[in-house]
């Protein structure tokens, strides 16, 4: 694990309930599972595979999942896991590591894994095959393939439909820039284009392509599906990976790694609305700066909850149509509640959203034997 952070410094009154380090030398597996809070139910959270992942990243992402699941009113807590490995390793190596990971979490029954950056439906199929517990499964074994259908991107588009009223522009004709044109980015670009928006910039790990007159979303999706980069598409100007930050637009959507916008680069952002498609993509300090500038910024656990809502519906035995209906209903309602609260109080959308989510968590914890505070009977365990 990189870094020498003190894990005790990560605790607060909500969690994490467990942080588990895993190792299996036979397949070169190193992983961390963070189960943040299970007051609302067993935790759901993705399995991230990256060579530079850290335990602290897992803990931070697990908390984001706790808030996301609570804000969405799901009967689940939050968790996250990271596997320190190259997601582009050979198929045999990747399968061996994922299966070893599954065996290692067999007894962590309060954690339900799902797909995340570096893993997909096939990986969840391997995990389910080993321990019978995963979401985001291939449709052949009863799953709702959320990455294939674009559940998270659909939810972001639903969020934008409500947010446009508060941001002072209409989606039809709105200029959109997507940072990270992957499983989330390509779908939100597609769903927003269907609503009349114009994709003016997109980036991936190779660079940025920008065109003020609009890019061909269908072509970009096809190029990426064939294993290429956005830079391989026709037209547009090419730039560095972070050049997408400088593109003037109405909606800016980070949908890749954590902390891509921070205090040192936030002033470069030229957008009226930010929809956080990735988890924790903007540092707290940068969010404050955006709010003070009058940029409407929808926090990750409200805007990008479509994937976990879909996973929850799948876990309960629902259908894809039920999943998309639930995503639209919950995300639109939560977006409106958060933005109306922010407008009325002057607080940041994140502050309002955290209050909403934590309120639900504490009410759920009050029904548990062990909960925050000191219930009757003398228990004194803080969740």
Foldseek 3Di string as FASTA:
>chain_A
DDDDDDVVVLDDLQDQPDKDWDADVVLGKTKIKTRGHQLLHQAEEEEAEEQPDDSVNQSQLQQLRQLLCLLLVHSHGGMYMYINDDLPPDPVSVLVRLLVVLVVCLVVVSYAYEHDHSDAQVSQVSSCVNRVGYACHPVVVQHDNCLVVQQLLLLLLLLVCQCCVVLVHHLAAFEEEEQACPSNNLSVVVSSVVVRHAHAKYAHQAWIFGHPVGDDSVQQVVQVVVVHGSVPGDDGDTGGSLVSQQDATAEYEYADDAACAEPVCLVSHHYQEYQYQHANNHDPVSLVVCLVVNRQYAHHSLRRSRVVLSRSCSVVSHDPVVSSVSSSVSSNVSSVQLSVVCVVPVDHSVVSSSVSSVVSSQVSQVVDPAEDDADPPGHHDRD
